[in-house]
Each structure stands twice: as C-alpha cells, then as structure tokens.
Amino acid sequence: MGNTHKVVNNGNKLFMLSKYEPVGIATYSNAALMGTPWEIIIKIYRKQLGEKHFPHLSDYVIDFIHFLHTHNFFTDDITQHNWLKNQIEAFYILNLRIICQKFNFKNFDYNDSLIIEKLKDELNSCLDANKINPSICDDFVGYTFGQFKNETKVDFDEIYQHSQVSNLPIDLRDLFCEAFFYYWIIQLEPDYHTGLVFCGYGDDDLYPSIIPCVVATGYNKRLKYFINQAKADSISEHGTSVTIAPFAQTDVIQTITQGLTPDCQILYSIQLKMALIRTQTHYVDICHLNLKVKSLQMRLANLTSHL
C-alpha cells in the first residue's frame, strides 16, 4: 500500500532451463505470466526441450519466446482480453495522476473545461513522444493502429461502459485509444512485467553471457516483450573481465560493489556537501578578516608616517 512494495523471498527464482546443458534462467518482479506461475511454465519448457541444445545462448531465448507463443501464453482468450482492459484502465489512471500532480488538481471534474483541456494536452504529448519512439517490441513491428483499433473495438466498448474510463468525454476517446496504442507497443517496463535473465553457454560459446528479457502480457498472438540490451553482457575473447549486473533489488548489489548501502551513500553525500559549505563559509570569513587586518595595518602605517 502507498509507496511500499512486497518482496517475496520464499519463492523459486532460479531455474535450470535445461537438464543437460549449462543454461539457467532467473526471474524477478512479477512471479507469473497473466496468472500462470513462471515456475510451472519453465518446468514445462525444460521437459519439452529435453536433450535439445543450441549453438548460442541467444538461441535459447528465441526458442523460449517461441514456446510461449505456441502455448498461447498459457492463458485463454478471455484472460488476455481482461489483461488488456486492465492495462487500458491503468493507462487512463496514469494520465489522471500526471494531470493532478502537474496542476495541483485535487478532484478531477469532467465538467471543468480547463481540466479536460489539460487531459487532452497530456494525451497528445504522450502520443507525439511515443509515436516517434524507435524502440518497439518485436511482436508489434509492422502492427498498425488501424489493426489494433479493429481488434480491440469490443474491449474499448466494454471499458467505456463499465470502468472508470467511462467518464472520458466522447470527443477524447479516439485520441485516448491511439495514445494507448503507441504507449503499449514501445519497449517499456510496466508495473506488471516479469524480468527473465537467461544465463550460461551455448555449444559454440566460449564464455558465458547473460541476456535479460522483459515480458509483460500477451494478446491476440502477440507478446509484449523485449530484450534489455542495455543490461546484456558477456565475457568475450577480447578480454576476460567480468561484470556484476544488478536486477530487481539493486540496493543489495550496490552494497557489495560500492561498499555502502544506497541510503548510506545519500547520507554521506549530504554530510560531505554540508562540510564543504561550512568550509567555504569559514574560508570567506577568514578572507574578510584578513582584509580587515590589512586595512588596519595600512591605517596604522599612515598614522605612524604623520608622527
């Protein structure tokens, strides 16, 4: 509740991806894919994989994503539609919160023309920014807004009748739908995502590597996922340096690598800044004192010359 979040420490988060090859997978954040536990999904994949093996770790990632597709993301169509509607409603609430924070609105009154205008501006801003974003999830490359609008017409009609989004003015609904589409297809980690970290060797890999993948939800044979290239890493033949890559609870890794917890680092920075300010103040005071001393010395010198 509030700004807190739950951390589950007693669930399995590290798994063998294969019983026969040095390949593993770690999970963080959401423990399930649209309600189906990842532990079950990975267990089924491991059994299906059997003794099959691949040249590179990236091939295991591709095969695993393909496996999710072939099993319809381990959900039925009704569940996928419900998850999509939850995401649409969450996007709506997100925009309301942004508006309220920006303009200090305590209550969102749709009869207030100023508030409606600000919501329209926010949706347009979101649309413009995401429409030119080149980082699109793989399954949505080539997927058009027209296709999305036709496929989700029933979902949006239901939302406009039975959820908070029903308050949205009719003349803003087309804009809202398009803004959500371009927000939905980009490579972004939503609150309900799962992090999958693939690690190990393929047959032709000389050194191990890690490939992080973000998976959110599936809808109509498309999976919202992407490879987090910024955190992918490997030991290469160009050098055997190693990397510690933090995922999920990054404060633990930062404590190990930097010797201080993030909270202590912040406290240290504040204390250091205050010490520098005090030193600067003392230095200025000393300089002023020196100027006064020199001025007094000059006056004494002038006085002495007239005696």
C-alpha atoms as a PDB file:
ATOM      1  CA  MET A   1       0.000   0.000   0.000  1.00  0.00           C
ATOM      2  CA  GLY A   2       1.149   3.539  -0.587  1.00  0.00           C
ATOM      3  CA  ASN A   3       4.777   3.639  -1.706  1.00  0.00           C
ATOM      4  CA  THR A   4       5.612   0.214  -0.312  1.00  0.00           C
ATOM      5  CA  HIS A   5       6.056  -2.947  -2.342  1.00  0.00           C
ATOM      6  CA  LYS A   6       6.044  -6.619  -1.494  1.00  0.00           C
ATOM      7  CA  VAL A   7       9.196  -8.702  -1.864  1.00  0.00           C
ATOM      8  CA  VAL A   8       8.668 -12.466  -1.953  1.00  0.00           C
ATOM      9  CA  ASN A   9      11.709 -14.218  -0.514  1.00  0.00           C
ATOM     10  CA  ASN A  10      10.422 -17.782  -0.316  1.00  0.00           C
ATOM     11  CA  GLY A  11       9.595 -18.466  -3.993  1.00  0.00           C
ATOM     12  CA  ASN A  12      11.841 -20.144  -6.531  1.00  0.00           C
ATOM     13  CA  LYS A  13      13.547 -17.543  -8.700  1.00  0.00           C
ATOM     14  CA  LEU A  14      16.486 -19.542 -10.135  1.00  0.00           C
ATOM     15  CA  PHE A  15      15.854 -22.436 -12.526  1.00  0.00           C
ATOM     16  CA  MET A  16      17.692 -24.796 -14.822  1.00  0.00           C
ATOM     17  CA  LEU A  17      16.499 -24.131 -18.342  1.00  0.00           C
ATOM     18  CA  SER A  18      17.962 -27.457 -19.451  1.00  0.00           C
ATOM     19  CA  LYS A  19      18.804 -30.645 -17.566  1.00  0.00           C
ATOM     20  CA  TYR A  20      21.673 -31.375 -19.935  1.00  0.00           C
ATOM     21  CA  GLU A  21      23.224 -28.015 -20.868  1.00  0.00           C
ATOM     22  CA  PRO A  22      24.781 -25.219 -18.739  1.00  0.00           C
ATOM     23  CA  VAL A  23      21.884 -22.820 -19.245  1.00  0.00           C
ATOM     24  CA  GLY A  24      19.783 -21.245 -16.500  1.00  0.00           C
ATOM     25  CA  ILE A  25      17.133 -18.601 -16.031  1.00  0.00           C
ATOM     26  CA  ALA A  26      16.344 -16.220 -13.165  1.00  0.00           C
ATOM     27  CA  THR A  27      13.091 -14.348 -12.653  1.00  0.00           C
ATOM     28  CA  TYR A  28      12.322 -11.105 -10.843  1.00  0.00           C
ATOM     29  CA  SER A  29       9.368  -8.768 -10.378  1.00  0.00           C
ATOM     30  CA  ASN A  30       6.060 -10.466 -11.317  1.00  0.00           C
ATOM     31  CA  ALA A  31       6.129 -14.198 -10.489  1.00  0.00           C
ATOM     32  CA  ALA A  32       3.503 -15.106 -13.092  1.00  0.00           C
ATOM     33  CA  LEU A  33       2.560 -14.526 -16.718  1.00  0.00           C
ATOM     34  CA  MET A  34      -1.044 -13.290 -16.660  1.00  0.00           C
ATOM     35  CA  GLY A  35      -1.726 -15.525 -13.675  1.00  0.00           C
ATOM     36  CA  THR A  36       0.302 -18.602 -14.665  1.00  0.00           C
ATOM     37  CA  PRO A  37       3.388 -19.029 -12.428  1.00  0.00           C
ATOM     38  CA  TRP A  38       6.703 -18.854 -14.259  1.00  0.00           C
ATOM     39  CA  GLU A  39       7.896 -21.843 -12.255  1.00  0.00           C
ATOM     40  CA  ILE A  40       5.296 -24.025 -14.000  1.00  0.00           C
ATOM     41  CA  ILE A  41       5.991 -22.531 -17.439  1.00  0.00           C
ATOM     42  CA  ILE A  42       9.747 -23.080 -17.116  1.00  0.00           C
ATOM     43  CA  LYS A  43       9.263 -26.637 -15.866  1.00  0.00           C
ATOM     44  CA  ILE A  44       7.114 -27.462 -18.924  1.00  0.00           C
ATOM     45  CA  TYR A  45       9.672 -25.868 -21.250  1.00  0.00           C
ATOM     46  CA  ARG A  46      12.554 -27.824 -19.679  1.00  0.00           C
ATOM     47  CA  LYS A  47      10.673 -31.071 -20.197  1.00  0.00           C
ATOM     48  CA  GLN A  48       9.863 -30.178 -23.798  1.00  0.00           C
ATOM     49  CA  LEU A  49      13.443 -29.094 -24.507  1.00  0.00           C
ATOM     50  CA  GLY A  50      14.833 -32.444 -23.347  1.00  0.00           C
ATOM     51  CA  GLU A  51      18.321 -33.078 -24.734  1.00  0.00           C
ATOM     52  CA  LYS A  52      17.955 -30.459 -27.466  1.00  0.00           C
ATOM     53  CA  HIS A  53      20.720 -27.851 -27.479  1.00  0.00           C
ATOM     54  CA  PHE A  54      21.704 -24.716 -29.395  1.00  0.00           C
ATOM     55  CA  PRO A  55      24.928 -23.021 -30.562  1.00  0.00           C
ATOM     56  CA  HIS A  56      24.397 -19.790 -28.602  1.00  0.00           C
ATOM     57  CA  LEU A  57      22.564 -18.589 -25.502  1.00  0.00           C
ATOM     58  CA  SER A  58      20.542 -16.209 -27.676  1.00  0.00           C
ATOM     59  CA  ASP A  59      19.088 -19.248 -29.469  1.00  0.00           C
ATOM     60  CA  TYR A  60      17.634 -20.485 -26.162  1.00  0.00           C
ATOM     61  CA  VAL A  61      15.979 -17.090 -25.684  1.00  0.00           C
ATOM     62  CA  ILE A  62      14.429 -17.234 -29.158  1.00  0.00           C
ATOM     63  CA  ASP A  63      13.239 -20.809 -28.593  1.00  0.00           C
ATOM     64  CA  PHE A  64      11.714 -19.946 -25.204  1.00  0.00           C
ATOM     65  CA  ILE A  65       9.784 -16.973 -26.625  1.00  0.00           C
ATOM     66  CA  HIS A  66       8.574 -19.196 -29.472  1.00  0.00           C
ATOM     67  CA  PHE A  67       7.478 -21.746 -26.847  1.00  0.00           C
ATOM     68  CA  LEU A  68       5.331 -19.101 -25.127  1.00  0.00           C
ATOM     69  CA  HIS A  69       3.665 -18.283 -28.430  1.00  0.00           C
ATOM     70  CA  THR A  70       2.913 -21.903 -29.287  1.00  0.00           C
ATOM     71  CA  HIS A  71       1.164 -22.350 -25.925  1.00  0.00           C
ATOM     72  CA  ASN A  72      -0.933 -19.177 -26.354  1.00  0.00           C
ATOM     73  CA  PHE A  73       0.960 -17.613 -23.426  1.00  0.00           C
ATOM     74  CA  PHE A  74      -0.587 -20.235 -21.081  1.00  0.00           C
ATOM     75  CA  THR A  75      -3.902 -18.354 -20.913  1.00  0.00           C
ATOM     76  CA  ASP A  76      -7.238 -18.389 -22.691  1.00  0.00           C
ATOM     77  CA  ASP A  77      -8.524 -15.555 -24.855  1.00  0.00           C
ATOM     78  CA  ILE A  78     -10.852 -14.222 -22.164  1.00  0.00           C
ATOM     79  CA  THR A  79      -7.939 -13.788 -19.745  1.00  0.00           C
ATOM     80  CA  GLN A  80      -5.890 -11.995 -22.392  1.00  0.00           C
ATOM     81  CA  HIS A  81      -8.762  -9.593 -23.116  1.00  0.00           C
ATOM     82  CA  ASN A  82      -9.192  -8.910 -19.389  1.00  0.00           C
ATOM     83  CA  TRP A  83      -5.481  -8.155 -19.004  1.00  0.00           C
ATOM     84  CA  LEU A  84      -5.620  -5.767 -21.945  1.00  0.00           C
ATOM     85  CA  LYS A  85      -8.581  -3.933 -20.396  1.00  0.00           C
ATOM     86  CA  ASN A  86      -6.676  -3.690 -17.105  1.00  0.00           C
ATOM     87  CA  GLN A  87      -3.758  -2.113 -18.956  1.00  0.00           C
ATOM     88  CA  ILE A  88      -6.037   0.381 -20.715  1.00  0.00           C
ATOM     89  CA  GLU A  89      -7.587   1.407 -17.404  1.00  0.00           C
ATOM     90  CA  ALA A  90      -4.137   1.687 -15.785  1.00  0.00           C
ATOM     91  CA  PHE A  91      -3.019   3.981 -18.637  1.00  0.00           C
ATOM     92  CA  TYR A  92      -6.078   6.164 -18.059  1.00  0.00           C
ATOM     93  CA  ILE A  93      -5.389   6.425 -14.311  1.00  0.00           C
ATOM     94  CA  LEU A  94      -1.714   7.202 -15.015  1.00  0.00           C
ATOM     95  CA  ASN A  95      -2.682  10.202 -17.140  1.00  0.00           C
ATOM     96  CA  LEU A  96      -5.096  11.445 -14.478  1.00  0.00           C
ATOM     97  CA  ARG A  97      -2.354  11.287 -11.847  1.00  0.00           C
ATOM     98  CA  ILE A  98       0.065  13.171 -14.082  1.00  0.00           C
ATOM     99  CA  ILE A  99      -2.516  15.913 -14.657  1.00  0.00           C
ATOM    100  CA  CYS A 100      -3.307  16.205 -10.950  1.00  0.00           C
ATOM    101  CA  GLN A 101       0.375  16.402  -9.995  1.00  0.00           C
ATOM    102  CA  LYS A 102       1.268  18.936 -12.694  1.00  0.00           C
ATOM    103  CA  PHE A 103      -1.561  21.338 -11.984  1.00  0.00           C
ATOM    104  CA  ASN A 104      -2.358  20.504  -8.360  1.00  0.00           C
ATOM    105  CA  PHE A 105      -5.899  19.360  -9.092  1.00  0.00           C
ATOM    106  CA  LYS A 106      -7.426  17.773  -6.000  1.00  0.00           C
ATOM    107  CA  ASN A 107     -10.547  16.488  -7.753  1.00  0.00           C
ATOM    108  CA  PHE A 108     -10.903  15.530 -11.384  1.00  0.00           C
ATOM    109  CA  ASP A 109     -14.101  17.217 -12.537  1.00  0.00           C
ATOM    110  CA  TYR A 110     -15.057  16.459 -16.145  1.00  0.00           C
ATOM    111  CA  ASN A 111     -17.358  19.465 -16.167  1.00  0.00           C
ATOM    112  CA  ASP A 112     -14.315  21.703 -15.819  1.00  0.00           C
ATOM    113  CA  SER A 113     -13.215  22.724 -19.319  1.00  0.00           C
ATOM    114  CA  LEU A 114      -9.702  23.571 -18.095  1.00  0.00           C
ATOM    115  CA  ILE A 115      -9.165  20.043 -16.752  1.00  0.00           C
ATOM    116  CA  ILE A 116     -10.448  18.475 -19.968  1.00  0.00           C
ATOM    117  CA  GLU A 117      -8.101  20.664 -21.982  1.00  0.00           C
ATOM    118  CA  LYS A 118      -5.132  19.630 -19.825  1.00  0.00           C
ATOM    119  CA  LEU A 119      -6.032  15.942 -20.233  1.00  0.00           C
ATOM    120  CA  LYS A 120      -6.219  16.415 -23.986  1.00  0.00           C
ATOM    121  CA  ASP A 121      -2.802  18.093 -23.978  1.00  0.00           C
ATOM    122  CA  GLU A 122      -1.320  15.257 -21.900  1.00  0.00           C
ATOM    123  CA  LEU A 123      -2.677  12.571 -24.237  1.00  0.00           C
ATOM    124  CA  ASN A 124      -1.357  14.456 -27.269  1.00  0.00           C
ATOM    125  CA  SER A 125       2.040  14.840 -25.606  1.00  0.00           C
ATOM    126  CA  CYS A 126       2.165  11.115 -24.812  1.00  0.00           C
ATOM    127  CA  LEU A 127       1.104  10.238 -28.360  1.00  0.00           C
ATOM    128  CA  ASP A 128       3.655  12.518 -30.018  1.00  0.00           C
ATOM    129  CA  ALA A 129       6.529  11.232 -27.873  1.00  0.00           C
ATOM    130  CA  ASN A 130       5.776   7.521 -28.315  1.00  0.00           C
ATOM    131  CA  LYS A 131       4.856   7.753 -31.991  1.00  0.00           C
ATOM    132  CA  ILE A 132       8.452   8.614 -32.889  1.00  0.00           C
ATOM    133  CA  ASN A 133       9.990   6.182 -30.399  1.00  0.00           C
ATOM    134  CA  PRO A 134      12.053   3.690 -32.462  1.00  0.00           C
ATOM    135  CA  SER A 135      12.168   1.086 -29.672  1.00  0.00           C
ATOM    136  CA  ILE A 136       9.156  -1.085 -30.474  1.00  0.00           C
ATOM    137  CA  CYS A 137       8.567  -4.550 -29.026  1.00  0.00           C
ATOM    138  CA  ASP A 138       9.409  -7.242 -31.592  1.00  0.00           C
ATOM    139  CA  ASP A 139       5.882  -8.635 -31.915  1.00  0.00           C
ATOM    140  CA  PHE A 140       4.486  -5.175 -32.686  1.00  0.00           C
ATOM    141  CA  VAL A 141       6.847  -4.257 -35.523  1.00  0.00           C
ATOM    142  CA  GLY A 142       4.616  -3.622 -38.532  1.00  0.00           C
ATOM    143  CA  TYR A 143       1.477  -3.691 -36.369  1.00  0.00           C
ATOM    144  CA  THR A 144      -0.661  -0.651 -37.218  1.00  0.00           C
ATOM    145  CA  PHE A 145      -3.048   1.409 -35.156  1.00  0.00           C
ATOM    146  CA  GLY A 146      -5.803   0.533 -37.614  1.00  0.00           C
ATOM    147  CA  GLN A 147      -5.322  -3.193 -36.920  1.00  0.00           C
ATOM    148  CA  PHE A 148      -5.261  -2.586 -33.186  1.00  0.00           C
ATOM    149  CA  LYS A 149      -8.420  -0.453 -33.274  1.00  0.00           C
ATOM    150  CA  ASN A 150     -10.347  -3.139 -35.182  1.00  0.00           C
ATOM    151  CA  GLU A 151      -9.141  -5.964 -32.915  1.00  0.00           C
ATOM    152  CA  THR A 152      -9.884  -4.143 -29.652  1.00  0.00           C
ATOM    153  CA  LYS A 153     -13.165  -2.410 -30.509  1.00  0.00           C
ATOM    154  CA  VAL A 154     -15.190  -4.717 -28.253  1.00  0.00           C
ATOM    155  CA  ASP A 155     -12.697  -4.268 -25.391  1.00  0.00           C
ATOM    156  CA  PHE A 156     -12.848  -0.473 -25.555  1.00  0.00           C
ATOM    157  CA  ASP A 157     -16.655  -0.515 -25.833  1.00  0.00           C
ATOM    158  CA  GLU A 158     -16.836  -2.588 -22.641  1.00  0.00           C
ATOM    159  CA  ILE A 159     -14.399  -0.284 -20.837  1.00  0.00           C
ATOM    160  CA  TYR A 160     -16.358   2.828 -21.783  1.00  0.00           C
ATOM    161  CA  GLN A 161     -19.436   1.254 -20.194  1.00  0.00           C
ATOM    162  CA  HIS A 162     -18.192  -0.497 -17.058  1.00  0.00           C
ATOM    163  CA  SER A 163     -14.993   1.137 -15.743  1.00  0.00           C
ATOM    164  CA  GLN A 164     -13.526   4.446 -14.626  1.00  0.00           C
ATOM    165  CA  VAL A 165     -12.718   5.181 -18.261  1.00  0.00           C
ATOM    166  CA  SER A 166     -16.465   5.597 -18.869  1.00  0.00           C
ATOM    167  CA  ASN A 167     -16.005   9.152 -17.559  1.00  0.00           C
ATOM    168  CA  LEU A 168     -13.784  10.004 -20.512  1.00  0.00           C
ATOM    169  CA  PRO A 169     -15.513  12.530 -22.803  1.00  0.00           C
ATOM    170  CA  ILE A 170     -16.623  11.010 -26.119  1.00  0.00           C
ATOM    171  CA  ASP A 171     -14.640  13.513 -28.189  1.00  0.00           C
ATOM    172  CA  LEU A 172     -11.393  12.366 -26.497  1.00  0.00           C
ATOM    173  CA  ARG A 173     -11.874   8.628 -26.939  1.00  0.00           C
ATOM    174  CA  ASP A 174     -10.227   8.269 -30.349  1.00  0.00           C
ATOM    175  CA  LEU A 175      -7.222  10.242 -29.083  1.00  0.00           C
ATOM    176  CA  PHE A 176      -7.111   8.125 -25.922  1.00  0.00           C
ATOM    177  CA  CYS A 177      -7.192   4.889 -27.933  1.00  0.00           C
ATOM    178  CA  GLU A 178      -4.356   5.985 -30.221  1.00  0.00           C
ATOM    179  CA  ALA A 179      -2.244   7.312 -27.332  1.00  0.00           C
ATOM    180  CA  PHE A 180      -2.619   3.982 -25.516  1.00  0.00           C
ATOM    181  CA  PHE A 181      -1.654   2.007 -28.629  1.00  0.00           C
ATOM    182  CA  TYR A 182       1.668   3.799 -29.095  1.00  0.00           C
ATOM    183  CA  TYR A 183       2.335   3.646 -25.353  1.00  0.00           C
ATOM    184  CA  TRP A 184       1.575  -0.094 -25.334  1.00  0.00           C
ATOM    185  CA  ILE A 185       3.853  -1.186 -28.208  1.00  0.00           C
ATOM    186  CA  ILE A 186       7.083   0.517 -27.122  1.00  0.00           C
ATOM    187  CA  GLN A 187       9.830  -1.116 -25.069  1.00  0.00           C
ATOM    188  CA  LEU A 188       8.744  -0.021 -21.623  1.00  0.00           C
ATOM    189  CA  GLU A 189       8.703  -1.881 -18.300  1.00  0.00           C
ATOM    190  CA  PRO A 190       5.126  -1.685 -16.983  1.00  0.00           C
ATOM    191  CA  ASP A 191       4.301  -2.382 -13.345  1.00  0.00           C
ATOM    192  CA  TYR A 192       3.076  -5.903 -14.153  1.00  0.00           C
ATOM    193  CA  HIS A 193       6.190  -7.063 -16.060  1.00  0.00           C
ATOM    194  CA  THR A 194       8.461 -10.011 -15.317  1.00  0.00           C
ATOM    195  CA  GLY A 195      12.213  -9.903 -15.747  1.00  0.00           C
ATOM    196  CA  LEU A 196      13.709 -13.100 -17.198  1.00  0.00           C
ATOM    197  CA  VAL A 197      17.504 -13.309 -17.073  1.00  0.00           C
ATOM    198  CA  PHE A 198      18.930 -16.036 -19.294  1.00  0.00           C
ATOM    199  CA  CYS A 199      22.489 -17.070 -18.459  1.00  0.00           C
ATOM    200  CA  GLY A 200      25.029 -19.688 -19.440  1.00  0.00           C
ATOM    201  CA  TYR A 201      26.659 -21.126 -22.565  1.00  0.00           C
ATOM    202  CA  GLY A 202      25.580 -22.364 -25.956  1.00  0.00           C
ATOM    203  CA  ASP A 203      27.576 -25.122 -27.719  1.00  0.00           C
ATOM    204  CA  ASP A 204      29.656 -22.587 -29.648  1.00  0.00           C
ATOM    205  CA  ASP A 205      30.000 -20.032 -26.844  1.00  0.00           C
ATOM    206  CA  LEU A 206      33.497 -19.881 -25.408  1.00  0.00           C
ATOM    207  CA  TYR A 207      32.435 -17.825 -22.377  1.00  0.00           C
ATOM    208  CA  PRO A 208      29.128 -17.394 -20.526  1.00  0.00           C
ATOM    209  CA  SER A 209      26.795 -14.465 -21.043  1.00  0.00           C
ATOM    210  CA  ILE A 210      23.563 -13.005 -19.683  1.00  0.00           C
ATOM    211  CA  ILE A 211      20.560 -11.884 -21.737  1.00  0.00           C
ATOM    212  CA  PRO A 212      17.812 -10.037 -19.801  1.00  0.00           C
ATOM    213  CA  CYS A 213      14.330 -10.162 -21.255  1.00  0.00           C
ATOM    214  CA  VAL A 214      11.292  -8.169 -20.108  1.00  0.00           C
ATOM    215  CA  VAL A 215       7.930  -9.926 -20.547  1.00  0.00           C
ATOM    216  CA  ALA A 216       4.580  -8.300 -19.766  1.00  0.00           C
ATOM    217  CA  THR A 217       1.411  -9.694 -21.343  1.00  0.00           C
ATOM    218  CA  GLY A 218       0.121 -11.427 -24.440  1.00  0.00           C
ATOM    219  CA  TYR A 219      -2.827 -10.517 -26.619  1.00  0.00           C
ATOM    220  CA  ASN A 220      -4.133 -11.997 -29.869  1.00  0.00           C
ATOM    221  CA  LYS A 221      -0.931 -13.978 -30.635  1.00  0.00           C
ATOM    222  CA  ARG A 222       1.341 -11.029 -29.827  1.00  0.00           C
ATOM    223  CA  LEU A 223       3.575 -10.902 -26.777  1.00  0.00           C
ATOM    224  CA  LYS A 224       4.691  -7.652 -25.202  1.00  0.00           C
ATOM    225  CA  TYR A 225       8.363  -8.423 -24.589  1.00  0.00           C
ATOM    226  CA  PHE A 226      11.803  -7.092 -25.434  1.00  0.00           C
ATOM    227  CA  ILE A 227      15.460  -7.871 -24.833  1.00  0.00           C
ATOM    228  CA  ASN A 228      17.046  -5.384 -22.449  1.00  0.00           C
ATOM    229  CA  GLN A 229      20.212  -4.808 -24.477  1.00  0.00           C
ATOM    230  CA  ALA A 230      21.481  -2.206 -22.008  1.00  0.00           C
ATOM    231  CA  LYS A 231      21.951  -4.931 -19.371  1.00  0.00           C
ATOM    232  CA  ALA A 232      23.005  -7.801 -21.648  1.00  0.00           C
ATOM    233  CA  ASP A 233      26.651  -8.739 -21.141  1.00  0.00           C
ATOM    234  CA  SER A 234      29.200 -11.457 -21.772  1.00  0.00           C
ATOM    235  CA  ILE A 235      32.813 -12.424 -21.267  1.00  0.00           C
ATOM    236  CA  SER A 236      34.416 -12.321 -24.703  1.00  0.00           C
ATOM    237  CA  GLU A 237      37.624 -13.484 -26.326  1.00  0.00           C
ATOM    238  CA  HIS A 238      38.754  -9.839 -26.372  1.00  0.00           C
ATOM    239  CA  GLY A 239      39.234  -9.905 -22.608  1.00  0.00           C
ATOM    240  CA  THR A 240      38.185 -11.884 -19.574  1.00  0.00           C
ATOM    241  CA  SER A 241      36.906  -9.030 -17.432  1.00  0.00           C
ATOM    242  CA  VAL A 242      33.715  -9.827 -15.549  1.00  0.00           C
ATOM    243  CA  THR A 243      30.602  -7.826 -14.749  1.00  0.00           C
ATOM    244  CA  ILE A 244      28.240  -7.800 -11.790  1.00  0.00           C
ATOM    245  CA  ALA A 245      24.830  -6.898 -13.189  1.00  0.00           C
ATOM    246  CA  PRO A 246      22.134  -5.949 -10.649  1.00  0.00           C
ATOM    247  CA  PHE A 247      18.500  -6.878 -11.237  1.00  0.00           C
ATOM    248  CA  ALA A 248      15.404  -6.339  -9.075  1.00  0.00           C
ATOM    249  CA  GLN A 249      16.754  -5.428  -5.573  1.00  0.00           C
ATOM    250  CA  THR A 250      19.697  -3.399  -6.872  1.00  0.00           C
ATOM    251  CA  ASP A 251      20.490  -1.969  -3.432  1.00  0.00           C
ATOM    252  CA  VAL A 252      21.973  -5.321  -2.357  1.00  0.00           C
ATOM    253  CA  ILE A 253      24.374  -5.435  -5.323  1.00  0.00           C
ATOM    254  CA  GLN A 254      25.302  -1.773  -4.862  1.00  0.00           C
ATOM    255  CA  THR A 255      26.233  -2.515  -1.254  1.00  0.00           C
ATOM    256  CA  ILE A 256      28.550  -5.308  -2.410  1.00  0.00           C
ATOM    257  CA  THR A 257      30.159  -3.439  -5.316  1.00  0.00           C
ATOM    258  CA  GLN A 258      30.433   0.008  -3.699  1.00  0.00           C
ATOM    259  CA  GLY A 259      30.852  -0.906  -0.035  1.00  0.00           C
ATOM    260  CA  LEU A 260      27.944   1.236   1.147  1.00  0.00           C
ATOM    261  CA  THR A 261      24.187   0.858   1.038  1.00  0.00           C
ATOM    262  CA  PRO A 262      22.427   3.421  -1.193  1.00  0.00           C
ATOM    263  CA  ASP A 263      20.943   5.069   1.920  1.00  0.00           C
ATOM    264  CA  CYS A 264      24.411   5.471   3.433  1.00  0.00           C
ATOM    265  CA  GLN A 265      25.717   6.870   0.142  1.00  0.00           C
ATOM    266  CA  ILE A 266      22.977   9.506   0.150  1.00  0.00           C
ATOM    267  CA  LEU A 267      23.697  10.369   3.796  1.00  0.00           C
ATOM    268  CA  TYR A 268      27.439  10.534   3.057  1.00  0.00           C
ATOM    269  CA  SER A 269      26.822  12.867   0.101  1.00  0.00           C
ATOM    270  CA  ILE A 270      24.639  15.167   2.205  1.00  0.00           C
ATOM    271  CA  GLN A 271      27.191  15.313   5.023  1.00  0.00           C
ATOM    272  CA  LEU A 272      30.022  15.950   2.564  1.00  0.00           C
ATOM    273  CA  LYS A 273      28.075  18.767   0.925  1.00  0.00           C
ATOM    274  CA  MET A 274      27.331  20.353   4.295  1.00  0.00           C
ATOM    275  CA  ALA A 275      31.005  20.065   5.292  1.00  0.00           C
ATOM    276  CA  LEU A 276      32.081  21.769   2.048  1.00  0.00           C
ATOM    277  CA  ILE A 277      29.567  24.577   2.626  1.00  0.00           C
ATOM    278  CA  ARG A 278      30.858  25.077   6.184  1.00  0.00           C
ATOM    279  CA  THR A 279      34.460  25.080   4.931  1.00  0.00           C
ATOM    280  CA  GLN A 280      33.591  27.613   2.254  1.00  0.00           C
ATOM    281  CA  THR A 281      31.876  29.833   4.842  1.00  0.00           C
ATOM    282  CA  HIS A 282      34.905  29.660   7.150  1.00  0.00           C
ATOM    283  CA  TYR A 283      37.206  30.470   4.245  1.00  0.00           C
ATOM    284  CA  VAL A 284      35.124  33.529   3.330  1.00  0.00           C
ATOM    285  CA  ASP A 285      35.140  34.659   6.972  1.00  0.00           C
ATOM    286  CA  ILE A 286      38.943  34.289   7.109  1.00  0.00           C
ATOM    287  CA  CYS A 287      39.339  36.276   3.880  1.00  0.00           C
ATOM    288  CA  HIS A 288      37.179  39.073   5.289  1.00  0.00           C
ATOM    289  CA  LEU A 289      39.218  39.046   8.482  1.00  0.00           C
ATOM    290  CA  ASN A 290      42.471  39.283   6.503  1.00  0.00           C
ATOM    291  CA  LEU A 291      41.119  42.254   4.586  1.00  0.00           C
ATOM    292  CA  LYS A 292      40.210  43.998   7.833  1.00  0.00           C
ATOM    293  CA  VAL A 293      43.676  43.296   9.257  1.00  0.00           C
ATOM    294  CA  LYS A 294      45.359  44.692   6.131  1.00  0.00           C
ATOM    295  CA  SER A 295      43.139  47.764   6.247  1.00  0.00           C
ATOM    296  CA  LEU A 296      44.045  48.304   9.908  1.00  0.00           C
ATOM    297  CA  GLN A 297      47.744  47.871   9.128  1.00  0.00           C
ATOM    298  CA  MET A 298      47.535  50.498   6.389  1.00  0.00           C
ATOM    299  CA  ARG A 299      45.814  52.945   8.723  1.00  0.00           C
ATOM    300  CA  LEU A 300      48.493  52.380  11.378  1.00  0.00           C
ATOM    301  CA  ALA A 301      51.187  52.884   8.772  1.00  0.00           C
ATOM    302  CA  ASN A 302      49.624  56.182   7.634  1.00  0.00           C
ATOM    303  CA  LEU A 303      49.266  57.313  11.258  1.00  0.00           C
ATOM    304  CA  THR A 304      52.886  56.466  12.025  1.00  0.00           C
ATOM    305  CA  SER A 305      54.124  58.433   8.977  1.00  0.00           C
ATOM    306  CA  HIS A 306      52.497  61.610  10.302  1.00  0.00           C
ATOM    307  CA  LEU A 307      54.157  61.408  13.741  1.00  0.00           C
END
